[in-house]
Amino acid sequence: MSLIELERPRPREKESTPPEPWPLPRKFAAILLGLWLLSGVYIVAADQQAVVTRFGKVVEPRVAPGIHLSLPWPIDRVVKLKAQQLRRLVIGGDVADVLVGRSDPAASQFLTGDQNLIHMRVVVQYSVGVPADYLFRAVDVARAVAAAVEAELAHRVANRGVDAVLTTEKALIQEDVRGAAQKLMDDYGVGVALASVNIESVVPPPEASDAFRDVAGARADSARIVNQALGYANDLIPRARGEAQQLREAAEAYRLRKINQAQGDAARFTQVAAEYAKASDVNGHRLYVEAMEQVLPKIRKLIIDKSGNLDLTIIRRGAGEE
């Protein structure tokens, strides 16, 4: 290398420039993309269940509690339900409506099998059975449940008399209505689980309430009298049976005693007759003497001598002494 070449100035190297920052629209787009992707993460609480739909079609009908991942919105939609929560509806008017006078009497009227009108208020409790069916198989689930319970209730009441509905068969009606309405809900596929059907109030119409109270009072009196009669019979019959058994046992004892006594007398007479036959003269005289010993001390005696003389003053004096 020559000296000229060494003295030739070298070209200056280009300085490195830092990278240009992202433009604001790109950052905004990245943030939106991240948020959109995070929209697929959802949490189901411990008392909830979720249903996931994809473009309106159910892809996960029952999601358990926990953290889950789905496709971002609006591809997937997540609907959460409190599946274990009991929901309540009233058939025949709520208590608050009755107090303020806003109840509809026709909604609470039912016709019994013996052509009597009664007013009933029934409380129904239900929960979510199948979340997907509960959300998408009926527009108004509460109205569907109320219609099913009311139809089954009317059917059961129409097959019974008013006395049975008012008194003895309320519990049976409740259970029958719950089972039949649950079967009807299952056939409809509404996704409802009926917890209870409780008849809170069943009363006659106001116009006939006095007559119904009189009938109820007469029925109570009749039941009381019947119970008293049954109590008397339950007390008298065992006592009479005991007395009859006692009389039978006494009669049987008397019979056995008489039989044994007669057999003893007969056996003794047989023995005496056998001994008498062995020495009839001696035994006859002895028996005569023994008989006289028993008879003579008990009677008055008048003894006369062999000549036949009788002192009548003795008789008179003896009679006067008496």
C-alpha atoms as a PDB file:
ATOM      1  CA  MET A   1       0.000   0.000   0.000  1.00  0.00           C
ATOM      2  CA  SER A   2       1.436   3.425  -1.027  1.00  0.00           C
ATOM      3  CA  LEU A   3       1.640   6.571   1.038  1.00  0.00           C
ATOM      4  CA  ILE A   4      -0.867   8.316  -1.186  1.00  0.00           C
ATOM      5  CA  GLU A   5      -3.392   5.676  -0.505  1.00  0.00           C
ATOM      6  CA  LEU A   6      -2.809   5.973   3.220  1.00  0.00           C
ATOM      7  CA  GLU A   7      -3.422   9.708   3.189  1.00  0.00           C
ATOM      8  CA  ARG A   8      -6.637   9.432   1.128  1.00  0.00           C
ATOM      9  CA  PRO A   9      -9.553  10.290   3.392  1.00  0.00           C
ATOM     10  CA  ARG A  10     -11.899   7.456   4.095  1.00  0.00           C
ATOM     11  CA  PRO A  11     -15.614   7.923   3.539  1.00  0.00           C
ATOM     12  CA  ARG A  12     -17.630   8.486   6.733  1.00  0.00           C
ATOM     13  CA  GLU A  13     -19.841   5.615   7.811  1.00  0.00           C
ATOM     14  CA  LYS A  14     -23.572   6.232   7.954  1.00  0.00           C
ATOM     15  CA  GLU A  15     -24.953   6.582  11.473  1.00  0.00           C
ATOM     16  CA  SER A  16     -27.618   3.967  12.453  1.00  0.00           C
ATOM     17  CA  THR A  17     -31.080   5.478  12.955  1.00  0.00           C
ATOM     18  CA  PRO A  18     -33.492   4.095  15.618  1.00  0.00           C
ATOM     19  CA  PRO A  19     -36.638   2.314  14.349  1.00  0.00           C
ATOM     20  CA  GLU A  20     -39.595   4.518  13.830  1.00  0.00           C
ATOM     21  CA  PRO A  21     -42.402   3.977  16.460  1.00  0.00           C
ATOM     22  CA  TRP A  22     -45.766   2.339  15.448  1.00  0.00           C
ATOM     23  CA  PRO A  23     -48.260   4.771  14.277  1.00  0.00           C
ATOM     24  CA  LEU A  24     -51.220   5.411  16.636  1.00  0.00           C
ATOM     25  CA  PRO A  25     -53.863   3.681  14.471  1.00  0.00           C
ATOM     26  CA  ARG A  26     -51.818   0.491  14.479  1.00  0.00           C
ATOM     27  CA  LYS A  27     -51.494   0.545  18.289  1.00  0.00           C
ATOM     28  CA  PHE A  28     -55.216   1.134  18.624  1.00  0.00           C
ATOM     29  CA  ALA A  29     -55.923  -1.759  16.300  1.00  0.00           C
ATOM     30  CA  ALA A  30     -53.617  -4.067  18.297  1.00  0.00           C
ATOM     31  CA  ILE A  31     -55.364  -3.126  21.546  1.00  0.00           C
ATOM     32  CA  LEU A  32     -58.750  -3.775  20.021  1.00  0.00           C
ATOM     33  CA  LEU A  33     -57.547  -7.128  18.698  1.00  0.00           C
ATOM     34  CA  GLY A  34     -56.313  -8.115  22.138  1.00  0.00           C
ATOM     35  CA  LEU A  35     -59.560  -7.091  23.779  1.00  0.00           C
ATOM     36  CA  TRP A  36     -61.532  -8.958  21.150  1.00  0.00           C
ATOM     37  CA  LEU A  37     -59.506 -12.122  21.781  1.00  0.00           C
ATOM     38  CA  LEU A  38     -59.943 -11.720  25.548  1.00  0.00           C
ATOM     39  CA  SER A  39     -63.700 -11.525  25.095  1.00  0.00           C
ATOM     40  CA  GLY A  40     -63.606 -15.290  24.644  1.00  0.00           C
ATOM     41  CA  VAL A  41     -62.564 -15.770  28.266  1.00  0.00           C
ATOM     42  CA  TYR A  42     -65.477 -15.936  30.705  1.00  0.00           C
ATOM     43  CA  ILE A  43     -66.085 -16.971  34.306  1.00  0.00           C
ATOM     44  CA  VAL A  44     -69.068 -18.970  35.560  1.00  0.00           C
ATOM     45  CA  ALA A  45     -69.800 -18.432  39.262  1.00  0.00           C
ATOM     46  CA  ALA A  46     -70.347 -21.295  41.709  1.00  0.00           C
ATOM     47  CA  ASP A  47     -74.129 -20.835  41.734  1.00  0.00           C
ATOM     48  CA  GLN A  48     -74.411 -20.493  37.953  1.00  0.00           C
ATOM     49  CA  GLN A  49     -74.415 -22.524  34.768  1.00  0.00           C
ATOM     50  CA  ALA A  50     -73.781 -21.192  31.287  1.00  0.00           C
ATOM     51  CA  VAL A  51     -74.917 -21.900  27.743  1.00  0.00           C
ATOM     52  CA  VAL A  52     -72.667 -21.148  24.775  1.00  0.00           C
ATOM     53  CA  THR A  53     -74.119 -20.446  21.320  1.00  0.00           C
ATOM     54  CA  ARG A  54     -72.192 -20.049  18.064  1.00  0.00           C
ATOM     55  CA  PHE A  55     -73.978 -17.945  15.502  1.00  0.00           C
ATOM     56  CA  GLY A  56     -77.237 -18.692  17.362  1.00  0.00           C
ATOM     57  CA  LYS A  57     -76.733 -22.465  17.585  1.00  0.00           C
ATOM     58  CA  VAL A  58     -76.138 -24.090  20.954  1.00  0.00           C
ATOM     59  CA  VAL A  59     -72.680 -25.664  21.071  1.00  0.00           C
ATOM     60  CA  GLU A  60     -72.318 -26.128  24.842  1.00  0.00           C
ATOM     61  CA  PRO A  61     -75.708 -26.644  26.566  1.00  0.00           C
ATOM     62  CA  ARG A  62     -74.385 -26.818  30.120  1.00  0.00           C
ATOM     63  CA  VAL A  63     -71.123 -25.227  31.286  1.00  0.00           C
ATOM     64  CA  ALA A  64     -70.039 -25.906  34.844  1.00  0.00           C
ATOM     65  CA  PRO A  65     -68.693 -23.197  37.194  1.00  0.00           C
ATOM     66  CA  GLY A  66     -65.109 -22.050  36.585  1.00  0.00           C
ATOM     67  CA  ILE A  67     -62.969 -20.190  34.019  1.00  0.00           C
ATOM     68  CA  HIS A  68     -63.646 -21.140  30.407  1.00  0.00           C
ATOM     69  CA  LEU A  69     -62.595 -20.116  26.909  1.00  0.00           C
ATOM     70  CA  SER A  70     -64.756 -19.658  23.835  1.00  0.00           C
ATOM     71  CA  LEU A  71     -64.510 -17.950  20.483  1.00  0.00           C
ATOM     72  CA  PRO A  72     -64.625 -14.166  20.701  1.00  0.00           C
ATOM     73  CA  TRP A  73     -67.827 -12.209  20.483  1.00  0.00           C
ATOM     74  CA  PRO A  74     -69.996 -12.152  18.371  1.00  0.00           C
ATOM     75  CA  ILE A  75     -69.031 -15.613  17.101  1.00  0.00           C
ATOM     76  CA  ASP A  76     -69.813 -17.188  20.470  1.00  0.00           C
ATOM     77  CA  ARG A  77     -72.311 -15.815  22.962  1.00  0.00           C
ATOM     78  CA  VAL A  78     -72.384 -16.875  26.614  1.00  0.00           C
ATOM     79  CA  VAL A  79     -75.608 -16.758  28.635  1.00  0.00           C
ATOM     80  CA  LYS A  80     -75.335 -17.385  32.390  1.00  0.00           C
ATOM     81  CA  LEU A  81     -78.154 -18.659  34.596  1.00  0.00           C
ATOM     82  CA  LYS A  82     -78.594 -19.256  38.317  1.00  0.00           C
ATOM     83  CA  ALA A  83     -79.677 -22.839  37.893  1.00  0.00           C
ATOM     84  CA  GLN A  84     -80.186 -23.634  41.597  1.00  0.00           C
ATOM     85  CA  GLN A  85     -82.222 -20.524  42.391  1.00  0.00           C
ATOM     86  CA  LEU A  86     -85.876 -21.204  43.185  1.00  0.00           C
ATOM     87  CA  ARG A  87     -88.289 -19.057  41.231  1.00  0.00           C
ATOM     88  CA  ARG A  88     -91.762 -18.370  42.593  1.00  0.00           C
ATOM     89  CA  LEU A  89     -95.089 -17.725  40.918  1.00  0.00           C
ATOM     90  CA  VAL A  90     -98.610 -17.484  42.308  1.00  0.00           C
ATOM     91  CA  ILE A  91    -101.782 -18.805  40.712  1.00  0.00           C
ATOM     92  CA  GLY A  92    -104.976 -17.142  41.889  1.00  0.00           C
ATOM     93  CA  GLY A  93    -103.559 -13.779  42.976  1.00  0.00           C
ATOM     94  CA  ASP A  94    -100.790 -12.862  45.362  1.00  0.00           C
ATOM     95  CA  VAL A  95    -101.385 -11.885  48.982  1.00  0.00           C
ATOM     96  CA  ALA A  96    -100.394  -8.265  48.304  1.00  0.00           C
ATOM     97  CA  ASP A  97    -102.906  -8.033  45.454  1.00  0.00           C
ATOM     98  CA  VAL A  98    -105.658  -9.379  47.691  1.00  0.00           C
ATOM     99  CA  LEU A  99    -104.896  -6.835  50.408  1.00  0.00           C
ATOM    100  CA  VAL A 100    -105.048  -3.846  48.063  1.00  0.00           C
ATOM    101  CA  GLY A 101    -108.065  -5.189  46.193  1.00  0.00           C
ATOM    102  CA  ARG A 102    -106.366  -5.706  42.837  1.00  0.00           C
ATOM    103  CA  SER A 103    -106.962  -9.453  42.571  1.00  0.00           C
ATOM    104  CA  ASP A 104    -109.028 -10.976  39.797  1.00  0.00           C
ATOM    105  CA  PRO A 105    -111.687 -13.286  41.321  1.00  0.00           C
ATOM    106  CA  ALA A 106    -112.087 -15.208  38.077  1.00  0.00           C
ATOM    107  CA  ALA A 107    -108.400 -16.174  38.096  1.00  0.00           C
ATOM    108  CA  SER A 108    -108.771 -17.974  41.410  1.00  0.00           C
ATOM    109  CA  GLN A 109    -112.085 -19.766  40.781  1.00  0.00           C
ATOM    110  CA  PHE A 110    -112.174 -23.526  40.286  1.00  0.00           C
ATOM    111  CA  LEU A 111    -115.156 -25.823  39.787  1.00  0.00           C
ATOM    112  CA  THR A 112    -115.348 -28.960  41.909  1.00  0.00           C
ATOM    113  CA  GLY A 113    -116.831 -32.288  40.907  1.00  0.00           C
ATOM    114  CA  ASP A 114    -120.103 -31.577  42.723  1.00  0.00           C
ATOM    115  CA  GLN A 115    -120.606 -28.266  40.855  1.00  0.00           C
ATOM    116  CA  ASN A 116    -119.363 -25.924  43.596  1.00  0.00           C
ATOM    117  CA  LEU A 117    -117.142 -22.895  43.079  1.00  0.00           C
ATOM    118  CA  ILE A 118    -114.112 -22.412  45.317  1.00  0.00           C
ATOM    119  CA  HIS A 119    -111.328 -19.822  45.387  1.00  0.00           C
ATOM    120  CA  MET A 120    -107.788 -21.170  45.495  1.00  0.00           C
ATOM    121  CA  ARG A 121    -104.369 -19.527  45.735  1.00  0.00           C
ATOM    122  CA  VAL A 122    -101.468 -21.792  44.807  1.00  0.00           C
ATOM    123  CA  VAL A 123     -97.747 -21.038  45.112  1.00  0.00           C
ATOM    124  CA  VAL A 124     -95.406 -22.806  42.679  1.00  0.00           C
ATOM    125  CA  GLN A 125     -91.637 -22.995  43.118  1.00  0.00           C
ATOM    126  CA  TYR A 126     -89.425 -24.117  40.251  1.00  0.00           C
ATOM    127  CA  SER A 127     -85.811 -23.988  39.108  1.00  0.00           C
ATOM    128  CA  VAL A 128     -83.808 -24.404  35.912  1.00  0.00           C
ATOM    129  CA  GLY A 129     -83.582 -28.040  34.923  1.00  0.00           C
ATOM    130  CA  VAL A 130     -81.953 -27.878  31.473  1.00  0.00           C
ATOM    131  CA  PRO A 131     -80.402 -24.427  30.855  1.00  0.00           C
ATOM    132  CA  ALA A 132     -80.456 -24.588  27.059  1.00  0.00           C
ATOM    133  CA  ASP A 133     -84.119 -25.609  26.924  1.00  0.00           C
ATOM    134  CA  TYR A 134     -85.017 -23.029  29.582  1.00  0.00           C
ATOM    135  CA  LEU A 135     -83.503 -20.250  27.451  1.00  0.00           C
ATOM    136  CA  PHE A 136     -84.625 -21.181  23.958  1.00  0.00           C
ATOM    137  CA  ARG A 137     -87.669 -23.494  24.074  1.00  0.00           C
ATOM    138  CA  ALA A 138     -90.217 -21.048  25.478  1.00  0.00           C
ATOM    139  CA  VAL A 139     -90.727 -17.306  25.140  1.00  0.00           C
ATOM    140  CA  ASP A 140     -92.188 -16.920  28.670  1.00  0.00           C
ATOM    141  CA  VAL A 141     -91.238 -19.811  30.935  1.00  0.00           C
ATOM    142  CA  ALA A 142     -93.175 -18.535  33.958  1.00  0.00           C
ATOM    143  CA  ARG A 143     -96.359 -18.263  31.927  1.00  0.00           C
ATOM    144  CA  ALA A 144     -95.898 -21.794  30.567  1.00  0.00           C
ATOM    145  CA  VAL A 145     -95.374 -23.194  34.072  1.00  0.00           C
ATOM    146  CA  ALA A 146     -98.416 -21.347  35.389  1.00  0.00           C
ATOM    147  CA  ALA A 147    -100.584 -22.641  32.543  1.00  0.00           C
ATOM    148  CA  ALA A 148     -99.481 -26.245  33.079  1.00  0.00           C
ATOM    149  CA  VAL A 149    -100.011 -26.155  36.854  1.00  0.00           C
ATOM    150  CA  GLU A 150    -103.368 -24.420  36.526  1.00  0.00           C
ATOM    151  CA  ALA A 151    -104.597 -26.971  33.967  1.00  0.00           C
ATOM    152  CA  GLU A 152    -103.588 -29.932  36.124  1.00  0.00           C
ATOM    153  CA  LEU A 153    -105.045 -28.286  39.227  1.00  0.00           C
ATOM    154  CA  ALA A 154    -108.381 -27.685  37.525  1.00  0.00           C
ATOM    155  CA  HIS A 155    -108.420 -31.324  36.382  1.00  0.00           C
ATOM    156  CA  ARG A 156    -107.765 -32.673  39.896  1.00  0.00           C
ATOM    157  CA  VAL A 157    -110.295 -30.366  41.557  1.00  0.00           C
ATOM    158  CA  ALA A 158    -112.969 -31.245  39.009  1.00  0.00           C
ATOM    159  CA  ASN A 159    -112.674 -34.926  39.983  1.00  0.00           C
ATOM    160  CA  ARG A 160    -113.306 -34.308  43.691  1.00  0.00           C
ATOM    161  CA  GLY A 161    -116.094 -32.970  45.848  1.00  0.00           C
ATOM    162  CA  VAL A 162    -115.876 -29.629  47.581  1.00  0.00           C
ATOM    163  CA  ASP A 163    -115.632 -31.231  51.028  1.00  0.00           C
ATOM    164  CA  ALA A 164    -112.600 -33.284  50.033  1.00  0.00           C
ATOM    165  CA  VAL A 165    -110.854 -30.263  48.488  1.00  0.00           C
ATOM    166  CA  LEU A 166    -111.502 -28.089  51.534  1.00  0.00           C
ATOM    167  CA  THR A 167    -110.485 -30.669  54.150  1.00  0.00           C
ATOM    168  CA  THR A 168    -108.831 -34.031  53.654  1.00  0.00           C
ATOM    169  CA  GLU A 169    -107.265 -34.207  50.188  1.00  0.00           C
ATOM    170  CA  LYS A 170    -105.260 -30.998  49.878  1.00  0.00           C
ATOM    171  CA  ALA A 171    -101.894 -32.739  50.310  1.00  0.00           C
ATOM    172  CA  LEU A 172    -102.808 -35.427  47.774  1.00  0.00           C
ATOM    173  CA  ILE A 173    -103.927 -32.811  45.242  1.00  0.00           C
ATOM    174  CA  GLN A 174    -100.658 -30.889  45.659  1.00  0.00           C
ATOM    175  CA  GLU A 175     -98.501 -33.945  44.987  1.00  0.00           C
ATOM    176  CA  ASP A 176    -100.620 -35.122  42.048  1.00  0.00           C
ATOM    177  CA  VAL A 177    -100.523 -31.676  40.441  1.00  0.00           C
ATOM    178  CA  ARG A 178     -96.751 -31.374  40.861  1.00  0.00           C
ATOM    179  CA  GLY A 179     -96.085 -34.760  39.274  1.00  0.00           C
ATOM    180  CA  ALA A 180     -98.498 -34.244  36.369  1.00  0.00           C
ATOM    181  CA  ALA A 181     -97.284 -30.686  35.668  1.00  0.00           C
ATOM    182  CA  GLN A 182     -93.656 -31.848  35.736  1.00  0.00           C
ATOM    183  CA  LYS A 183     -94.448 -34.541  33.171  1.00  0.00           C
ATOM    184  CA  LEU A 184     -96.173 -31.936  31.010  1.00  0.00           C
ATOM    185  CA  MET A 185     -93.135 -29.625  31.246  1.00  0.00           C
ATOM    186  CA  ASP A 186     -90.861 -32.510  30.274  1.00  0.00           C
ATOM    187  CA  ASP A 187     -93.048 -33.256  27.253  1.00  0.00           C
ATOM    188  CA  TYR A 188     -92.848 -29.611  26.209  1.00  0.00           C
ATOM    189  CA  GLY A 189     -89.090 -29.587  26.748  1.00  0.00           C
ATOM    190  CA  VAL A 190     -89.140 -26.285  28.629  1.00  0.00           C
ATOM    191  CA  GLY A 191     -86.218 -27.262  30.874  1.00  0.00           C
ATOM    192  CA  VAL A 192     -88.016 -26.588  34.182  1.00  0.00           C
ATOM    193  CA  ALA A 193     -87.793 -28.606  37.415  1.00  0.00           C
ATOM    194  CA  LEU A 194     -90.822 -28.118  39.677  1.00  0.00           C
ATOM    195  CA  ALA A 195     -89.802 -28.051  43.348  1.00  0.00           C
ATOM    196  CA  SER A 196     -93.212 -27.735  45.014  1.00  0.00           C
ATOM    197  CA  VAL A 197     -96.871 -26.913  44.473  1.00  0.00           C
ATOM    198  CA  ASN A 198     -98.423 -25.549  47.658  1.00  0.00           C
ATOM    199  CA  ILE A 199    -102.120 -24.735  48.093  1.00  0.00           C
ATOM    200  CA  GLU A 200    -101.902 -21.700  50.373  1.00  0.00           C
ATOM    201  CA  SER A 201    -105.599 -20.875  50.471  1.00  0.00           C
ATOM    202  CA  VAL A 202    -108.802 -22.660  49.509  1.00  0.00           C
ATOM    203  CA  VAL A 203    -112.045 -20.960  50.540  1.00  0.00           C
ATOM    204  CA  PRO A 204    -115.654 -20.916  49.341  1.00  0.00           C
ATOM    205  CA  PRO A 205    -117.059 -17.844  47.582  1.00  0.00           C
ATOM    206  CA  PRO A 206    -117.913 -14.947  49.929  1.00  0.00           C
ATOM    207  CA  GLU A 207    -121.625 -15.333  49.160  1.00  0.00           C
ATOM    208  CA  ALA A 208    -121.634 -18.916  50.475  1.00  0.00           C
ATOM    209  CA  SER A 209    -119.015 -18.629  53.211  1.00  0.00           C
ATOM    210  CA  ASP A 210    -121.605 -18.627  56.049  1.00  0.00           C
ATOM    211  CA  ALA A 211    -123.257 -21.767  54.731  1.00  0.00           C
ATOM    212  CA  PHE A 212    -119.885 -23.466  54.343  1.00  0.00           C
ATOM    213  CA  ARG A 213    -118.971 -22.537  57.914  1.00  0.00           C
ATOM    214  CA  ASP A 214    -122.241 -24.029  59.141  1.00  0.00           C
ATOM    215  CA  VAL A 215    -121.579 -27.202  57.194  1.00  0.00           C
ATOM    216  CA  ALA A 216    -118.030 -27.365  58.533  1.00  0.00           C
ATOM    217  CA  GLY A 217    -119.338 -26.890  62.083  1.00  0.00           C
ATOM    218  CA  ALA A 218    -121.924 -29.630  61.610  1.00  0.00           C
ATOM    219  CA  ARG A 219    -119.236 -31.905  60.186  1.00  0.00           C
ATOM    220  CA  ALA A 220    -117.010 -31.226  63.174  1.00  0.00           C
ATOM    221  CA  ASP A 221    -119.894 -31.954  65.565  1.00  0.00           C
ATOM    222  CA  SER A 222    -120.657 -35.148  63.687  1.00  0.00           C
ATOM    223  CA  ALA A 223    -117.044 -36.258  63.877  1.00  0.00           C
ATOM    224  CA  ARG A 224    -116.937 -35.427  67.591  1.00  0.00           C
ATOM    225  CA  ILE A 225    -120.120 -37.411  68.315  1.00  0.00           C
ATOM    226  CA  VAL A 226    -118.889 -40.348  66.279  1.00  0.00           C
ATOM    227  CA  ASN A 227    -115.573 -40.296  68.133  1.00  0.00           C
ATOM    228  CA  GLN A 228    -117.393 -40.178  71.463  1.00  0.00           C
ATOM    229  CA  ALA A 229    -119.572 -43.119  70.427  1.00  0.00           C
ATOM    230  CA  LEU A 230    -116.536 -45.062  69.296  1.00  0.00           C
ATOM    231  CA  GLY A 231    -114.801 -44.279  72.575  1.00  0.00           C
ATOM    232  CA  TYR A 232    -117.830 -45.475  74.541  1.00  0.00           C
ATOM    233  CA  ALA A 233    -118.021 -48.627  72.438  1.00  0.00           C
ATOM    234  CA  ASN A 234    -114.308 -49.262  72.850  1.00  0.00           C
ATOM    235  CA  ASP A 235    -114.738 -48.934  76.607  1.00  0.00           C
ATOM    236  CA  LEU A 236    -117.966 -50.932  76.942  1.00  0.00           C
ATOM    237  CA  ILE A 237    -117.275 -53.831  74.614  1.00  0.00           C
ATOM    238  CA  PRO A 238    -114.023 -54.989  76.287  1.00  0.00           C
ATOM    239  CA  ARG A 239    -115.627 -54.646  79.712  1.00  0.00           C
ATOM    240  CA  ALA A 240    -118.672 -56.681  78.604  1.00  0.00           C
ATOM    241  CA  ARG A 241    -116.404 -59.292  77.078  1.00  0.00           C
ATOM    242  CA  GLY A 242    -114.434 -59.488  80.316  1.00  0.00           C
ATOM    243  CA  GLU A 243    -117.592 -59.896  82.405  1.00  0.00           C
ATOM    244  CA  ALA A 244    -118.899 -62.542  80.007  1.00  0.00           C
ATOM    245  CA  GLN A 245    -115.621 -64.428  80.255  1.00  0.00           C
ATOM    246  CA  GLN A 246    -115.764 -64.164  84.030  1.00  0.00           C
ATOM    247  CA  LEU A 247    -119.318 -65.553  84.083  1.00  0.00           C
ATOM    248  CA  ARG A 248    -118.317 -68.407  81.803  1.00  0.00           C
ATOM    249  CA  GLU A 249    -115.390 -69.292  84.030  1.00  0.00           C
ATOM    250  CA  ALA A 250    -117.567 -69.100  87.185  1.00  0.00           C
ATOM    251  CA  ALA A 251    -120.218 -71.314  85.583  1.00  0.00           C
ATOM    252  CA  GLU A 252    -117.577 -73.796  84.495  1.00  0.00           C
ATOM    253  CA  ALA A 253    -116.133 -73.875  88.022  1.00  0.00           C
ATOM    254  CA  TYR A 254    -119.620 -74.369  89.513  1.00  0.00           C
ATOM    255  CA  ARG A 255    -120.315 -77.196  87.084  1.00  0.00           C
ATOM    256  CA  LEU A 256    -117.044 -78.950  87.907  1.00  0.00           C
ATOM    257  CA  ARG A 257    -117.665 -78.486  91.642  1.00  0.00           C
ATOM    258  CA  LYS A 258    -121.151 -79.998  91.450  1.00  0.00           C
ATOM    259  CA  ILE A 259    -119.959 -82.867  89.324  1.00  0.00           C
ATOM    260  CA  ASN A 260    -117.119 -83.651  91.714  1.00  0.00           C
ATOM    261  CA  GLN A 261    -119.445 -83.352  94.700  1.00  0.00           C
ATOM    262  CA  ALA A 262    -122.023 -85.664  93.137  1.00  0.00           C
ATOM    263  CA  GLN A 263    -119.346 -88.154  92.180  1.00  0.00           C
ATOM    264  CA  GLY A 264    -117.963 -88.033  95.741  1.00  0.00           C
ATOM    265  CA  ASP A 265    -121.422 -88.531  97.250  1.00  0.00           C
ATOM    266  CA  ALA A 266    -122.125 -91.391  94.900  1.00  0.00           C
ATOM    267  CA  ALA A 267    -118.794 -93.037  95.669  1.00  0.00           C
ATOM    268  CA  ARG A 268    -119.367 -92.611  99.404  1.00  0.00           C
ATOM    269  CA  PHE A 269    -122.926 -94.026  99.148  1.00  0.00           C
ATOM    270  CA  THR A 270    -121.606 -96.960  97.149  1.00  0.00           C
ATOM    271  CA  GLN A 271    -119.042 -97.684  99.817  1.00  0.00           C
ATOM    272  CA  VAL A 272    -121.632 -97.335 102.618  1.00  0.00           C
ATOM    273  CA  ALA A 273    -124.051 -99.635 100.750  1.00  0.00           C
ATOM    274  CA  ALA A 274    -121.343-102.226 100.314  1.00  0.00           C
ATOM    275  CA  GLU A 275    -120.504-102.167 104.031  1.00  0.00           C
ATOM    276  CA  TYR A 276    -124.197-102.157 104.972  1.00  0.00           C
ATOM    277  CA  ALA A 277    -124.787-105.261 102.908  1.00  0.00           C
ATOM    278  CA  LYS A 278    -122.130-107.116 104.853  1.00  0.00           C
ATOM    279  CA  ALA A 279    -124.046-106.704 108.200  1.00  0.00           C
ATOM    280  CA  SER A 280    -127.394-105.168 107.539  1.00  0.00           C
ATOM    281  CA  ASP A 281    -128.878-105.645 111.051  1.00  0.00           C
ATOM    282  CA  VAL A 282    -125.982-104.133 112.919  1.00  0.00           C
ATOM    283  CA  ASN A 283    -125.421-101.366 110.435  1.00  0.00           C
ATOM    284  CA  GLY A 284    -129.131-100.598 110.275  1.00  0.00           C
ATOM    285  CA  HIS A 285    -129.336-100.252 114.058  1.00  0.00           C
ATOM    286  CA  ARG A 286    -126.191 -98.100 114.090  1.00  0.00           C
ATOM    287  CA  LEU A 287    -127.518 -95.829 111.383  1.00  0.00           C
ATOM    288  CA  TYR A 288    -130.817 -95.507 113.242  1.00  0.00           C
ATOM    289  CA  VAL A 289    -129.041 -94.551 116.451  1.00  0.00           C
ATOM    290  CA  GLU A 290    -126.840 -92.040 114.635  1.00  0.00           C
ATOM    291  CA  ALA A 291    -129.887 -90.489 113.002  1.00  0.00           C
ATOM    292  CA  MET A 292    -131.656 -90.213 116.339  1.00  0.00           C
ATOM    293  CA  GLU A 293    -128.573 -88.590 117.852  1.00  0.00           C
ATOM    294  CA  GLN A 294    -128.825 -85.867 115.259  1.00  0.00           C
ATOM    295  CA  VAL A 295    -132.611 -85.448 115.356  1.00  0.00           C
ATOM    296  CA  LEU A 296    -133.608 -85.752 119.003  1.00  0.00           C
ATOM    297  CA  PRO A 297    -131.529 -82.874 120.421  1.00  0.00           C
ATOM    298  CA  LYS A 298    -133.355 -80.512 118.115  1.00  0.00           C
ATOM    299  CA  ILE A 299    -136.964 -81.319 119.209  1.00  0.00           C
ATOM    300  CA  ARG A 300    -138.985 -81.229 122.428  1.00  0.00           C
ATOM    301  CA  LYS A 301    -139.470 -84.623 123.992  1.00  0.00           C
ATOM    302  CA  LEU A 302    -142.275 -85.946 126.219  1.00  0.00           C
ATOM    303  CA  ILE A 303    -141.500 -89.247 127.890  1.00  0.00           C
ATOM    304  CA  ILE A 304    -144.220 -91.396 129.497  1.00  0.00           C
ATOM    305  CA  ASP A 305    -143.897 -94.598 131.381  1.00  0.00           C
ATOM    306  CA  LYS A 306    -145.059 -97.962 130.195  1.00  0.00           C
ATOM    307  CA  SER A 307    -148.355 -97.785 132.064  1.00  0.00           C
ATOM    308  CA  GLY A 308    -149.450 -94.921 129.928  1.00  0.00           C
ATOM    309  CA  ASN A 309    -150.116 -92.483 132.731  1.00  0.00           C
ATOM    310  CA  LEU A 310    -149.493 -88.891 131.754  1.00  0.00           C
ATOM    311  CA  ASP A 311    -149.349 -85.934 134.097  1.00  0.00           C
ATOM    312  CA  LEU A 312    -150.962 -83.115 132.091  1.00  0.00           C
ATOM    313  CA  THR A 313    -149.714 -80.451 134.508  1.00  0.00           C
ATOM    314  CA  ILE A 314    -146.251 -81.000 133.116  1.00  0.00           C
ATOM    315  CA  ILE A 315    -147.517 -80.066 129.644  1.00  0.00           C
ATOM    316  CA  ARG A 316    -149.339 -77.022 130.962  1.00  0.00           C
ATOM    317  CA  ARG A 317    -146.399 -75.930 133.071  1.00  0.00           C
ATOM    318  CA  GLY A 318    -144.036 -76.473 130.188  1.00  0.00           C
ATOM    319  CA  ALA A 319    -146.302 -74.471 127.889  1.00  0.00           C
ATOM    320  CA  GLY A 320    -146.568 -71.652 130.458  1.00  0.00           C
ATOM    321  CA  GLU A 321    -142.816 -71.575 130.883  1.00  0.00           C
ATOM    322  CA  GLU A 322    -142.408 -71.080 127.198  1.00  0.00           C
END
